Protein backbone atom coordinates (compact mmCIF):
# COMPACT_ATOMS: atom_id res chain seq x y z
CA UNK A 1 40.20 180.09 77.41
CA UNK A 2 40.15 182.88 74.77
CA UNK A 3 42.90 185.48 74.66
CA UNK A 4 42.32 189.09 73.62
CA UNK A 5 44.61 191.87 72.51
CA UNK A 6 43.62 195.39 73.52
CA UNK A 7 44.88 198.65 72.07
CA UNK A 8 44.35 201.61 74.35
CA UNK A 9 45.14 205.25 74.91
CA UNK A 10 45.54 207.06 78.19
CA UNK A 11 46.53 210.32 79.77
CA UNK A 12 49.35 209.37 82.09
CA UNK A 13 49.03 212.48 84.27
CA UNK A 14 46.73 210.80 86.78
CA UNK A 15 48.50 207.44 86.88
CA UNK A 16 51.67 206.21 88.58
CA UNK A 17 52.54 204.48 85.32
CA UNK A 18 51.46 201.37 83.46
CA UNK A 19 52.51 198.80 86.04
CA UNK A 20 51.21 198.10 89.55
CA UNK A 21 53.28 200.18 91.97
CA UNK A 22 51.58 199.79 95.35
CA UNK A 23 51.59 203.55 95.97
CA UNK A 24 49.01 204.86 93.53
CA UNK A 25 46.68 203.92 90.70
CA UNK A 26 48.27 202.36 87.63
CA UNK A 27 46.79 201.86 84.17
CA UNK A 28 47.18 198.10 84.60
CA UNK A 29 45.16 198.19 87.82
CA UNK A 30 42.43 200.37 86.30
CA UNK A 31 42.07 197.98 83.37
CA UNK A 32 42.01 194.89 85.57
CA UNK A 33 39.29 196.44 87.72
CA UNK A 34 37.32 197.23 84.57
CA UNK A 35 37.53 193.57 83.53
CA UNK A 36 36.29 192.50 86.96
CA UNK A 37 33.45 194.99 86.73
CA UNK A 38 32.47 193.59 83.33
CA UNK A 39 32.53 189.84 83.98
CA UNK A 40 33.51 189.33 87.61
CA UNK A 41 36.85 187.76 86.71
CA UNK A 42 40.11 188.76 88.33
CA UNK A 43 42.69 188.65 85.58
CA UNK A 44 46.21 189.88 85.00
CA UNK A 45 46.61 192.21 82.04
CA UNK A 46 50.02 191.96 80.36
CA UNK A 47 51.31 195.12 78.67
CA UNK A 48 53.59 195.46 75.67
CA UNK A 49 55.74 197.97 77.54
CA UNK A 50 55.92 199.92 80.75
CA UNK A 51 55.32 203.64 80.84
CA UNK A 52 56.44 205.79 83.75
CA UNK A 53 54.29 208.11 85.83
CA UNK A 54 53.07 210.99 83.67
CA UNK A 55 53.87 209.28 80.35
CA UNK A 56 50.94 208.98 77.94
CA UNK A 57 49.92 206.39 75.36
CA UNK A 58 48.27 206.65 71.99
CA UNK A 59 48.60 202.97 71.15
CA UNK A 60 49.59 200.83 74.13
CA UNK A 61 48.85 197.13 73.62
CA UNK A 62 48.19 194.39 76.13
CA UNK A 63 46.70 190.93 76.33
CA UNK A 64 44.42 189.12 78.75
CA UNK A 65 42.63 185.80 79.05
CA UNK A 66 38.95 185.38 79.90
CA UNK A 67 37.23 182.22 81.10
CA UNK A 68 34.22 182.86 78.86
CA UNK A 69 34.35 184.28 75.32
CA UNK A 70 33.06 187.76 74.54
CA UNK A 71 32.55 189.52 71.25
CA UNK A 72 35.46 191.94 70.81
CA UNK A 73 33.22 194.98 70.39
CA UNK A 74 31.24 194.01 73.50
CA UNK A 75 34.48 193.66 75.47
CA UNK A 76 35.76 197.02 74.24
CA UNK A 77 32.56 198.89 75.05
CA UNK A 78 32.13 197.24 78.44
CA UNK A 79 35.69 197.99 79.52
CA UNK A 80 35.33 201.61 78.48
CA UNK A 81 32.16 201.90 80.54
CA UNK A 82 33.92 200.48 83.60
CA UNK A 83 37.07 202.56 83.09
CA UNK A 84 35.18 205.81 83.64
CA UNK A 85 36.11 208.31 84.98
CA UNK A 86 39.76 207.30 84.45
CA UNK A 87 41.30 209.05 81.45
CA UNK A 88 41.91 205.83 79.59
CA UNK A 89 40.06 204.18 76.71
CA UNK A 90 40.20 200.88 74.88
CA UNK A 91 40.41 201.70 71.19
CA UNK A 92 40.25 198.16 69.85
CA UNK A 93 39.79 194.61 71.10
CA UNK A 94 40.58 191.52 69.06
CA UNK A 95 40.64 187.81 69.80
CA UNK A 96 44.11 186.39 69.16
CA UNK A 97 45.95 183.11 69.35
CA UNK A 98 46.46 181.72 72.87
CA UNK A 99 50.19 181.89 72.07
CA UNK A 100 50.15 185.66 71.49
CA UNK A 101 52.21 187.70 73.96
CA UNK A 102 51.87 191.47 73.84
CA UNK A 103 55.42 192.08 75.07
CA UNK A 104 57.44 189.25 73.55
CA UNK A 105 55.79 189.31 70.12
CA UNK A 106 56.28 193.04 69.53
CA UNK A 107 58.76 193.77 66.72
CA UNK A 108 58.95 197.52 67.38
CA UNK A 109 57.78 200.20 69.74
CA UNK A 110 57.31 203.77 68.60
CA UNK A 111 57.63 206.65 71.05
CA UNK A 112 56.68 210.23 70.26
CA UNK A 113 58.08 213.17 72.21
CA UNK A 114 56.41 216.57 71.84
CA UNK A 115 58.18 219.88 72.37
CA UNK A 116 56.28 223.16 72.32
CA UNK A 117 58.85 225.68 71.08
CA UNK A 118 57.22 229.04 71.78
CA UNK A 119 57.62 231.94 74.15
CA UNK A 120 54.12 231.81 75.65
CA UNK A 121 53.50 229.31 78.44
CA UNK A 122 51.32 226.28 77.81
CA UNK A 123 47.67 226.29 78.78
CA UNK A 124 46.01 223.48 76.82
CA UNK A 125 49.14 221.34 76.38
CA UNK A 126 50.42 221.58 79.92
CA UNK A 127 51.70 218.13 81.02
CA UNK A 128 51.36 217.00 77.41
CA UNK A 129 54.43 218.68 75.89
CA UNK A 130 57.77 220.08 77.04
CA UNK A 131 57.71 223.85 76.89
CA UNK A 132 61.02 225.25 75.61
CA UNK A 133 60.81 229.00 74.89
CA UNK A 134 64.25 229.50 73.29
CA UNK A 135 64.31 229.00 69.50
CA UNK A 136 65.52 225.51 68.60
CA UNK A 137 67.63 224.58 65.57
CA UNK A 138 65.72 221.54 64.35
CA UNK A 139 68.19 220.84 61.53
CA UNK A 140 71.02 220.52 64.06
CA UNK A 141 68.85 218.32 66.28
CA UNK A 142 68.06 216.04 63.34
CA UNK A 143 71.75 215.80 62.44
CA UNK A 144 72.60 214.80 66.01
CA UNK A 145 69.72 212.31 66.12
CA UNK A 146 71.10 210.44 63.12
CA UNK A 147 74.29 209.74 65.09
CA UNK A 148 72.23 207.76 67.60
CA UNK A 149 70.59 205.48 65.03
CA UNK A 150 71.82 201.91 64.74
CA UNK A 151 73.09 199.39 67.26
CA UNK A 152 75.02 200.94 70.14
CA UNK A 153 75.81 200.70 73.82
CA UNK A 154 73.38 203.33 75.18
CA UNK A 155 74.81 203.51 78.70
CA UNK A 156 75.03 207.31 78.33
CA UNK A 157 71.25 207.47 77.94
CA UNK A 158 70.31 204.85 80.52
CA UNK A 159 68.72 205.54 83.91
CA UNK A 160 70.79 204.52 86.91
CA UNK A 161 68.02 202.18 88.09
CA UNK A 162 67.52 200.55 84.69
CA UNK A 163 67.17 196.79 85.17
CA UNK A 164 67.93 195.71 81.59
CA UNK A 165 70.58 193.00 81.31
CA UNK A 166 72.42 194.84 78.55
CA UNK A 167 72.74 198.51 77.54
CA UNK A 168 72.98 197.56 73.87
CA UNK A 169 69.94 198.48 71.80
CA UNK A 170 69.18 198.96 68.11
CA UNK A 171 67.58 202.31 67.39
CA UNK A 172 65.90 201.84 64.02
CA UNK A 173 65.01 205.50 63.58
CA UNK A 174 65.18 208.76 65.51
CA UNK A 175 63.47 211.52 63.54
CA UNK A 176 63.10 215.20 64.44
CA UNK A 177 60.49 217.29 62.63
CA UNK A 178 58.88 220.68 63.11
CA UNK A 179 55.39 221.90 62.29
CA UNK A 180 55.00 225.50 63.34
CA UNK A 181 55.84 225.77 67.02
CA UNK A 182 55.48 222.00 67.57
CA UNK A 183 58.54 219.77 67.38
CA UNK A 184 58.06 216.00 67.22
CA UNK A 185 60.78 213.49 67.99
CA UNK A 186 59.93 209.88 67.07
CA UNK A 187 62.01 206.93 68.18
CA UNK A 188 61.62 203.41 66.75
CA UNK A 189 63.20 200.34 68.35
CA UNK A 190 62.28 196.84 69.36
CA UNK A 191 62.92 197.83 72.97
CA UNK A 192 64.30 200.76 74.94
CA UNK A 193 66.27 201.22 78.13
CA UNK A 194 64.67 202.96 81.10
CA UNK A 195 64.52 206.72 80.39
CA UNK A 196 66.44 206.24 77.12
CA UNK A 197 64.06 208.30 74.99
CA UNK A 198 63.77 211.11 77.52
CA UNK A 199 67.55 211.27 77.98
CA UNK A 200 68.10 211.41 74.22
CA UNK A 201 65.47 214.14 73.88
CA UNK A 202 67.09 216.20 76.65
CA UNK A 203 70.43 215.93 74.89
CA UNK A 204 68.95 216.87 71.50
CA UNK A 205 67.30 219.89 73.12
CA UNK A 206 70.73 221.14 74.19
CA UNK A 207 71.86 220.79 70.57
CA UNK A 208 68.82 222.77 69.42
CA UNK A 209 69.64 225.54 71.88
CA UNK A 210 73.23 225.71 70.64
CA UNK A 211 74.72 224.40 73.90
CA UNK A 212 76.16 221.35 72.11
CA UNK A 213 77.30 220.65 68.56
CA UNK A 214 75.73 217.65 66.83
CA UNK A 215 79.09 215.85 66.90
CA UNK A 216 79.12 216.18 70.70
CA UNK A 217 76.20 213.78 70.86
CA UNK A 218 78.15 211.10 69.04
CA UNK A 219 81.05 211.63 71.44
CA UNK A 220 78.71 211.38 74.43
CA UNK A 221 77.29 208.11 73.10
CA UNK A 222 80.78 206.68 72.63
CA UNK A 223 81.78 207.69 76.17
CA UNK A 224 79.24 205.29 77.72
CA UNK A 225 78.96 207.68 80.64
CA UNK A 226 75.58 208.83 82.01
CA UNK A 227 77.08 212.16 83.09
CA UNK A 228 77.70 213.00 79.40
CA UNK A 229 73.97 212.97 78.63
CA UNK A 230 71.75 216.03 78.73
CA UNK A 231 68.87 216.31 81.21
CA UNK A 232 66.07 213.77 81.28
CA UNK A 233 63.18 215.44 79.48
CA UNK A 234 59.90 215.72 81.45
CA UNK A 235 57.58 212.72 81.38
CA UNK A 236 54.57 214.73 80.18
CA UNK A 237 55.92 215.15 76.66
CA UNK A 238 56.35 211.42 76.02
CA UNK A 239 53.80 209.14 74.34
CA UNK A 240 53.90 205.45 73.54
CA UNK A 241 52.55 206.00 70.06
CA UNK A 242 52.35 202.45 68.72
CA UNK A 243 53.41 198.87 69.25
CA UNK A 244 54.12 196.95 66.08
CA UNK A 245 53.52 193.25 65.49
CA UNK A 246 54.23 190.98 62.52
CA UNK A 247 51.65 191.30 59.77
CA UNK A 248 49.30 188.32 59.48
CA UNK A 249 50.76 185.58 57.30
CA UNK A 250 50.08 186.32 53.65
CA UNK A 251 49.00 189.90 54.32
CA UNK A 252 52.27 191.52 53.30
CA UNK A 253 53.18 195.06 54.30
CA UNK A 254 54.54 196.25 57.61
CA UNK A 255 53.74 195.13 61.10
CA UNK A 256 50.48 196.25 62.61
CA UNK A 257 49.63 197.82 65.97
């Protein structure tokens, strides 16, 4: 039974999230129905990570097994045909080892958060960026972000309903950059707590607005108290940008998505 890894993008606005919820259409459900439409098989698609309602993906990964082999490009094109009109697309399909697991084998996940820092309201980027009209001090935000890097107890930035066994995570990188009116915040880690990225972004936004000093973020982290976090940033600005896997043996270089 061949196993395939899919890389896909989707606009999360019309979905209840990645995972089956029972109260709306999920990306997982849409993809499983596309597989059934292609070959008649009812399969379970296993994602590398969950995304909440309204959260987008530029490089979500998942795996699935098929009873009969299919050429990767045929699988990709057929799934895209059956996904219409859902705003989701399979970017790449590849046959992988039967032992491959999209979630367990991932060595890093990269999330991108977009802030539109301008006075005018959003027209084209509505539900795809967080509109903050007050000028933001990106240098101060970057200074505060560096205090969150490393291995810490992230209870302060953890949703109350988070089901993770431990609040300890290793944040490999948290970078804040500006290009014109667009501010990008990228977070790298092997795994994240529920709402961790959005809570960190909401806190950094308060630093950018001058409502907190960068050092206050370090103090909030150390407090291990959810009430010390800033607001949870809106879902529409968040993107699962990439999932990283070990490079093929002998290939060298960094992990690949």
